[in-house]
Structures are given as structure tokens and as C-alpha cells.
Amino acid sequence: MARRTVLGAWTGTAPEHLVFVDGPHGKPALPGGPEFNVSHSGDAVLIGVVDGIPIGVDVERVREKPNLDGIARRFFSAPEAAYLESLAPEARTNAFYRLWTLKEALVKAIGTGIAGNLSQTEVDTATLLDEHPRFLRVPSEAGDPERLGVFTFEALPGHLAAAVTLSHVTFTVRKFPI
């Protein structure tokens, strides 16, 4: 319902009159409407909307996860996994979720989702704590990593989020009670 409400307000269309179609990899779309993406985790729902530029978003509730290093070695680049392993345990979980949300938002922006192979992306770990971190390597469908719009933030206490667009944009966060 939140997706329909936000997109209805964005387009000026009654939420019940919105018609969604599935893209080639199942990503929902509004024909002729804005690009959007939705993610939810724990108490947070994140909806990214932009006109004319593909967008992907991800939000994750930060929590301890067993075998964090094994997951990182499977889905992250070797330098990213090594970076995580170099961190103190109390910093490792937060850094893991920052990397995960960035990578998942990117593959959702290009429309492939996790099936798009998260290991084909690499984040510059020197910029990981920045509001606008950089990607060093991305799948060819994403284009030049320098052209991406990238934004990370705390969606709610204990919830990290990322938004990625396939071109630079200015990001605005609006929080709504549900």
C-alpha cells in the first residue's frame, strides 16, 4: 500500500488506478511513469522514486549474522572481504551491511537483483563510510561507475540504507510514519 500511496502522490494518479508491469527480470514498473524501487527490512520500508533514471534501493536491519566472513567471501570481491576481515568484530557487522546495501541497490538499479551477481561489483572501501561512496567496478549494464548516483544513510535507528541511480542525482530523504 505504501508503494501505491507514494507513487500516486508522485504521479498525481489515484493509487488504486496505478497499473504495474514487470520488467525483464521481474522488477515492477509504471509504464510511462517514474522509475522506482522498494525494499523493506525490520521496521523500515524504503521507496526510491526518480524521473527517467533507473534506481535501486536497499534497506537492511543491522543484526548479528552467523558466518559473516563466509557470506562476504561468497558475494563480495576479494578486497572487500579482506577489508571486512581486517575490522574489529564490533565494526565488521556495520561495514558488512553498508557493503551489502550498496551492492544490492546497484544490481536492483540495473534490474537484475541479487541474481545479477553481487561479486561483479566492488565498492571503494576507503569511501565506505561516506554519504556518497564510490564503486570501483560494476556490471557493464550499469555503465561508468563514476556516473552513478550513490547515497547511503541510516533509514531508522539500526537500519542502514542505500540508493543507487544510473546517473548523478540529488537525493532527498523524507520519512513518513506508517
C-alpha atoms as a PDB file:
ATOM      1  CA  MET A   1       0.000   0.000   0.000  1.00  0.00           C
ATOM      2  CA  ALA A   2       2.857   2.421   0.775  1.00  0.00           C
ATOM      3  CA  ARG A   3       4.218   1.956  -2.766  1.00  0.00           C
ATOM      4  CA  ARG A   4       0.861   2.882  -4.316  1.00  0.00           C
ATOM      5  CA  THR A   5       0.439   5.868  -1.992  1.00  0.00           C
ATOM      6  CA  VAL A   6       3.893   7.309  -2.743  1.00  0.00           C
ATOM      7  CA  LEU A   7       3.691   6.693  -6.497  1.00  0.00           C
ATOM      8  CA  GLY A   8       0.137   8.012  -6.649  1.00  0.00           C
ATOM      9  CA  ALA A   9       1.263  11.249  -4.989  1.00  0.00           C
ATOM     10  CA  TRP A  10       4.304  11.457  -7.315  1.00  0.00           C
ATOM     11  CA  THR A  11       2.251  10.956 -10.484  1.00  0.00           C
ATOM     12  CA  GLY A  12      -0.973  12.675  -9.422  1.00  0.00           C
ATOM     13  CA  THR A  13      -2.863   9.435 -10.043  1.00  0.00           C
ATOM     14  CA  ALA A  14      -5.235   7.819  -7.590  1.00  0.00           C
ATOM     15  CA  PRO A  15      -3.275   4.915  -6.026  1.00  0.00           C
ATOM     16  CA  GLU A  16      -5.944   2.381  -6.990  1.00  0.00           C
ATOM     17  CA  HIS A  17      -5.638   3.386 -10.672  1.00  0.00           C
ATOM     18  CA  LEU A  18      -1.911   2.695 -10.965  1.00  0.00           C
ATOM     19  CA  VAL A  19      -1.102  -0.206 -13.301  1.00  0.00           C
ATOM     20  CA  PHE A  20       2.201  -2.024 -12.803  1.00  0.00           C
ATOM     21  CA  VAL A  21       4.042  -4.221 -15.292  1.00  0.00           C
ATOM     22  CA  ASP A  22       7.032  -6.494 -14.748  1.00  0.00           C
ATOM     23  CA  GLY A  23      10.373  -5.756 -16.390  1.00  0.00           C
ATOM     24  CA  PRO A  24      12.552  -8.451 -17.971  1.00  0.00           C
ATOM     25  CA  HIS A  25      13.866  -9.648 -14.597  1.00  0.00           C
ATOM     26  CA  GLY A  26      10.585  -9.126 -12.728  1.00  0.00           C
ATOM     27  CA  LYS A  27      11.268  -5.579 -11.466  1.00  0.00           C
ATOM     28  CA  PRO A  28       7.901  -3.768 -11.309  1.00  0.00           C
ATOM     29  CA  ALA A  29       7.470  -0.641 -13.433  1.00  0.00           C
ATOM     30  CA  LEU A  30       4.863   2.011 -14.209  1.00  0.00           C
ATOM     31  CA  PRO A  31       4.531   2.365 -17.988  1.00  0.00           C
ATOM     32  CA  GLY A  32       5.371   5.979 -18.803  1.00  0.00           C
ATOM     33  CA  GLY A  33       5.799   6.758 -15.116  1.00  0.00           C
ATOM     34  CA  PRO A  34       8.743   7.436 -12.861  1.00  0.00           C
ATOM     35  CA  GLU A  35      11.385   4.843 -12.119  1.00  0.00           C
ATOM     36  CA  PHE A  36      11.030   3.374  -8.633  1.00  0.00           C
ATOM     37  CA  ASN A  37      12.246   0.616  -6.374  1.00  0.00           C
ATOM     38  CA  VAL A  38      11.131  -0.713  -2.991  1.00  0.00           C
ATOM     39  CA  SER A  39      12.905  -2.501  -0.155  1.00  0.00           C
ATOM     40  CA  HIS A  40      11.909  -3.414   3.384  1.00  0.00           C
ATOM     41  CA  SER A  41      13.593  -4.895   6.433  1.00  0.00           C
ATOM     42  CA  GLY A  42      12.592  -4.934  10.081  1.00  0.00           C
ATOM     43  CA  ASP A  43      10.538  -1.798  10.735  1.00  0.00           C
ATOM     44  CA  ALA A  44      11.749   0.109   7.666  1.00  0.00           C
ATOM     45  CA  VAL A  45      10.263   0.436   4.191  1.00  0.00           C
ATOM     46  CA  LEU A  46      12.303   2.327   1.612  1.00  0.00           C
ATOM     47  CA  ILE A  47      10.811   3.595  -1.639  1.00  0.00           C
ATOM     48  CA  GLY A  48      13.082   5.308  -4.151  1.00  0.00           C
ATOM     49  CA  VAL A  49      11.451   7.344  -6.940  1.00  0.00           C
ATOM     50  CA  VAL A  50      13.086   9.348  -9.732  1.00  0.00           C
ATOM     51  CA  ASP A  51      12.014  10.529 -13.182  1.00  0.00           C
ATOM     52  CA  GLY A  52      13.727   8.892 -16.131  1.00  0.00           C
ATOM     53  CA  ILE A  53      16.729   7.268 -14.432  1.00  0.00           C
ATOM     54  CA  PRO A  54      16.812   3.672 -13.205  1.00  0.00           C
ATOM     55  CA  ILE A  55      17.041   3.433  -9.408  1.00  0.00           C
ATOM     56  CA  GLY A  56      17.683   0.649  -6.946  1.00  0.00           C
ATOM     57  CA  VAL A  57      17.287   0.839  -3.181  1.00  0.00           C
ATOM     58  CA  ASP A  58      18.017  -1.461  -0.283  1.00  0.00           C
ATOM     59  CA  VAL A  59      17.421  -1.201   3.438  1.00  0.00           C
ATOM     60  CA  GLU A  60      18.644  -3.728   5.977  1.00  0.00           C
ATOM     61  CA  ARG A  61      18.141  -4.057   9.708  1.00  0.00           C
ATOM     62  CA  VAL A  62      21.645  -4.319  11.140  1.00  0.00           C
ATOM     63  CA  ARG A  63      21.880  -7.515  13.170  1.00  0.00           C
ATOM     64  CA  GLU A  64      24.448 -10.133  14.006  1.00  0.00           C
ATOM     65  CA  LYS A  65      24.635 -12.744  11.289  1.00  0.00           C
ATOM     66  CA  PRO A  66      26.364 -16.099  11.598  1.00  0.00           C
ATOM     67  CA  ASN A  67      29.189 -16.737   9.136  1.00  0.00           C
ATOM     68  CA  LEU A  68      29.523 -13.101   8.076  1.00  0.00           C
ATOM     69  CA  ASP A  69      33.020 -13.741   6.696  1.00  0.00           C
ATOM     70  CA  GLY A  70      31.798 -16.701   4.620  1.00  0.00           C
ATOM     71  CA  ILE A  71      28.947 -14.654   3.146  1.00  0.00           C
ATOM     72  CA  ALA A  72      31.396 -11.857   2.330  1.00  0.00           C
ATOM     73  CA  ARG A  73      33.807 -14.247   0.609  1.00  0.00           C
ATOM     74  CA  ARG A  74      30.933 -15.617  -1.496  1.00  0.00           C
ATOM     75  CA  PHE A  75      29.249 -12.356  -2.545  1.00  0.00           C
ATOM     76  CA  PHE A  76      31.926  -9.668  -2.194  1.00  0.00           C
ATOM     77  CA  SER A  77      35.143  -9.020  -4.090  1.00  0.00           C
ATOM     78  CA  ALA A  78      38.377 -10.314  -2.567  1.00  0.00           C
ATOM     79  CA  PRO A  79      39.460  -6.781  -1.482  1.00  0.00           C
ATOM     80  CA  GLU A  80      36.048  -6.143   0.146  1.00  0.00           C
ATOM     81  CA  ALA A  81      36.142  -9.461   2.021  1.00  0.00           C
ATOM     82  CA  ALA A  82      39.717  -8.781   3.162  1.00  0.00           C
ATOM     83  CA  TYR A  83      38.680  -5.299   4.323  1.00  0.00           C
ATOM     84  CA  LEU A  84      35.865  -6.769   6.434  1.00  0.00           C
ATOM     85  CA  GLU A  85      38.150  -9.396   7.932  1.00  0.00           C
ATOM     86  CA  SER A  86      40.609  -6.640   8.914  1.00  0.00           C
ATOM     87  CA  LEU A  87      37.989  -4.851  11.036  1.00  0.00           C
ATOM     88  CA  ALA A  88      37.314  -5.343  14.714  1.00  0.00           C
ATOM     89  CA  PRO A  89      34.214  -7.525  15.271  1.00  0.00           C
ATOM     90  CA  GLU A  90      32.140  -4.573  16.514  1.00  0.00           C
ATOM     91  CA  ALA A  91      32.790  -2.622  13.276  1.00  0.00           C
ATOM     92  CA  ARG A  92      32.545  -5.613  10.925  1.00  0.00           C
ATOM     93  CA  THR A  93      28.761  -6.075  11.077  1.00  0.00           C
ATOM     94  CA  ASN A  94      28.048  -2.436  10.260  1.00  0.00           C
ATOM     95  CA  ALA A  95      30.564  -2.417   7.391  1.00  0.00           C
ATOM     96  CA  PHE A  96      29.086  -5.672   6.031  1.00  0.00           C
ATOM     97  CA  TYR A  97      25.599  -4.134   5.840  1.00  0.00           C
ATOM     98  CA  ARG A  98      26.938  -0.949   4.241  1.00  0.00           C
ATOM     99  CA  LEU A  99      28.563  -3.030   1.501  1.00  0.00           C
ATOM    100  CA  TRP A 100      25.527  -5.290   1.129  1.00  0.00           C
ATOM    101  CA  THR A 101      23.029  -2.423   0.761  1.00  0.00           C
ATOM    102  CA  LEU A 102      25.216  -0.633  -1.787  1.00  0.00           C
ATOM    103  CA  LYS A 103      25.723  -3.738  -3.893  1.00  0.00           C
ATOM    104  CA  GLU A 104      22.086  -4.799  -3.724  1.00  0.00           C
ATOM    105  CA  ALA A 105      20.858  -1.291  -4.615  1.00  0.00           C
ATOM    106  CA  LEU A 106      23.171  -1.281  -7.642  1.00  0.00           C
ATOM    107  CA  VAL A 107      22.015  -4.633  -9.030  1.00  0.00           C
ATOM    108  CA  LYS A 108      18.395  -3.616  -8.431  1.00  0.00           C
ATOM    109  CA  ALA A 109      19.016  -0.371 -10.368  1.00  0.00           C
ATOM    110  CA  ILE A 110      20.179  -2.356 -13.388  1.00  0.00           C
ATOM    111  CA  GLY A 111      17.185  -4.640 -12.967  1.00  0.00           C
ATOM    112  CA  THR A 112      18.908  -7.928 -12.232  1.00  0.00           C
ATOM    113  CA  GLY A 113      18.639  -8.082  -8.460  1.00  0.00           C
ATOM    114  CA  ILE A 114      20.906 -10.389  -6.492  1.00  0.00           C
ATOM    115  CA  ALA A 115      20.884 -12.812  -9.415  1.00  0.00           C
ATOM    116  CA  GLY A 116      22.992 -10.116 -11.131  1.00  0.00           C
ATOM    117  CA  ASN A 117      25.976 -11.444  -9.160  1.00  0.00           C
ATOM    118  CA  LEU A 118      26.983  -9.138  -6.324  1.00  0.00           C
ATOM    119  CA  SER A 119      30.611 -10.197  -6.746  1.00  0.00           C
ATOM    120  CA  GLN A 120      30.743  -8.338 -10.100  1.00  0.00           C
ATOM    121  CA  THR A 121      30.578  -5.097  -8.119  1.00  0.00           C
ATOM    122  CA  GLU A 122      33.283  -3.578  -5.985  1.00  0.00           C
ATOM    123  CA  VAL A 123      32.963  -0.636  -3.616  1.00  0.00           C
ATOM    124  CA  ASP A 124      35.934   1.577  -2.821  1.00  0.00           C
ATOM    125  CA  THR A 125      36.221   0.641   0.863  1.00  0.00           C
ATOM    126  CA  ALA A 126      38.140   3.869   1.539  1.00  0.00           C
ATOM    127  CA  THR A 127      34.840   5.696   0.832  1.00  0.00           C
ATOM    128  CA  LEU A 128      32.528   3.172   2.536  1.00  0.00           C
ATOM    129  CA  LEU A 129      31.650   5.455   5.452  1.00  0.00           C
ATOM    130  CA  ASP A 130      31.000   8.456   3.189  1.00  0.00           C
ATOM    131  CA  GLU A 131      27.455   9.582   2.426  1.00  0.00           C
ATOM    132  CA  HIS A 132      28.288   9.133  -1.273  1.00  0.00           C
ATOM    133  CA  PRO A 133      30.676   6.157  -1.505  1.00  0.00           C
ATOM    134  CA  ARG A 134      32.180   5.150  -4.851  1.00  0.00           C
ATOM    135  CA  PHE A 135      32.085   1.966  -6.852  1.00  0.00           C
ATOM    136  CA  LEU A 136      35.336   0.790  -8.409  1.00  0.00           C
ATOM    137  CA  ARG A 137      33.797  -1.946 -10.555  1.00  0.00           C
ATOM    138  CA  VAL A 138      30.219  -2.531 -11.742  1.00  0.00           C
ATOM    139  CA  PRO A 139      28.487  -4.832 -14.251  1.00  0.00           C
ATOM    140  CA  SER A 140      28.537  -3.452 -17.799  1.00  0.00           C
ATOM    141  CA  GLU A 141      24.767  -2.735 -17.636  1.00  0.00           C
ATOM    142  CA  ALA A 142      25.465  -0.050 -15.011  1.00  0.00           C
ATOM    143  CA  GLY A 143      27.783   1.939 -17.269  1.00  0.00           C
ATOM    144  CA  ASP A 144      30.643   4.046 -15.920  1.00  0.00           C
ATOM    145  CA  PRO A 145      30.942   3.784 -12.109  1.00  0.00           C
ATOM    146  CA  GLU A 146      31.900   7.481 -11.974  1.00  0.00           C
ATOM    147  CA  ARG A 147      28.477   8.449 -13.386  1.00  0.00           C
ATOM    148  CA  LEU A 148      26.431   6.620 -10.742  1.00  0.00           C
ATOM    149  CA  GLY A 149      24.403   8.460  -8.143  1.00  0.00           C
ATOM    150  CA  VAL A 150      25.168   6.757  -4.825  1.00  0.00           C
ATOM    151  CA  PHE A 151      23.749   7.606  -1.405  1.00  0.00           C
ATOM    152  CA  THR A 152      23.872   5.818   1.955  1.00  0.00           C
ATOM    153  CA  PHE A 153      22.065   6.728   5.145  1.00  0.00           C
ATOM    154  CA  GLU A 154      20.500   5.403   8.332  1.00  0.00           C
ATOM    155  CA  ALA A 155      16.835   4.890   7.437  1.00  0.00           C
ATOM    156  CA  LEU A 156      15.806   4.293  11.059  1.00  0.00           C
ATOM    157  CA  PRO A 157      17.903   3.577  14.127  1.00  0.00           C
ATOM    158  CA  GLY A 158      19.576   0.238  13.453  1.00  0.00           C
ATOM    159  CA  HIS A 159      18.649   0.201   9.733  1.00  0.00           C
ATOM    160  CA  LEU A 160      21.192   1.051   7.007  1.00  0.00           C
ATOM    161  CA  ALA A 161      20.038   2.023   3.526  1.00  0.00           C
ATOM    162  CA  ALA A 162      21.462   2.762   0.100  1.00  0.00           C
ATOM    163  CA  ALA A 163      20.104   4.194  -3.133  1.00  0.00           C
ATOM    164  CA  VAL A 164      21.859   3.947  -6.493  1.00  0.00           C
ATOM    165  CA  THR A 165      20.852   5.600  -9.758  1.00  0.00           C
ATOM    166  CA  LEU A 166      22.484   5.068 -13.130  1.00  0.00           C
ATOM    167  CA  SER A 167      23.240   8.795 -13.379  1.00  0.00           C
ATOM    168  CA  HIS A 168      24.021  11.507 -10.829  1.00  0.00           C
ATOM    169  CA  VAL A 169      21.008  12.876  -8.948  1.00  0.00           C
ATOM    170  CA  THR A 170      20.451  14.851  -5.771  1.00  0.00           C
ATOM    171  CA  PHE A 171      18.941  12.596  -3.129  1.00  0.00           C
ATOM    172  CA  THR A 172      16.285  13.747  -0.674  1.00  0.00           C
ATOM    173  CA  VAL A 173      15.098  11.615   2.226  1.00  0.00           C
ATOM    174  CA  ARG A 174      11.555  12.009   3.512  1.00  0.00           C
ATOM    175  CA  LYS A 175      10.374   9.918   6.424  1.00  0.00           C
ATOM    176  CA  PHE A 176       6.712   9.054   6.797  1.00  0.00           C
ATOM    177  CA  PRO A 177       5.048   7.211   9.660  1.00  0.00           C
ATOM    178  CA  ILE A 178       3.132   4.181   8.507  1.00  0.00           C
END
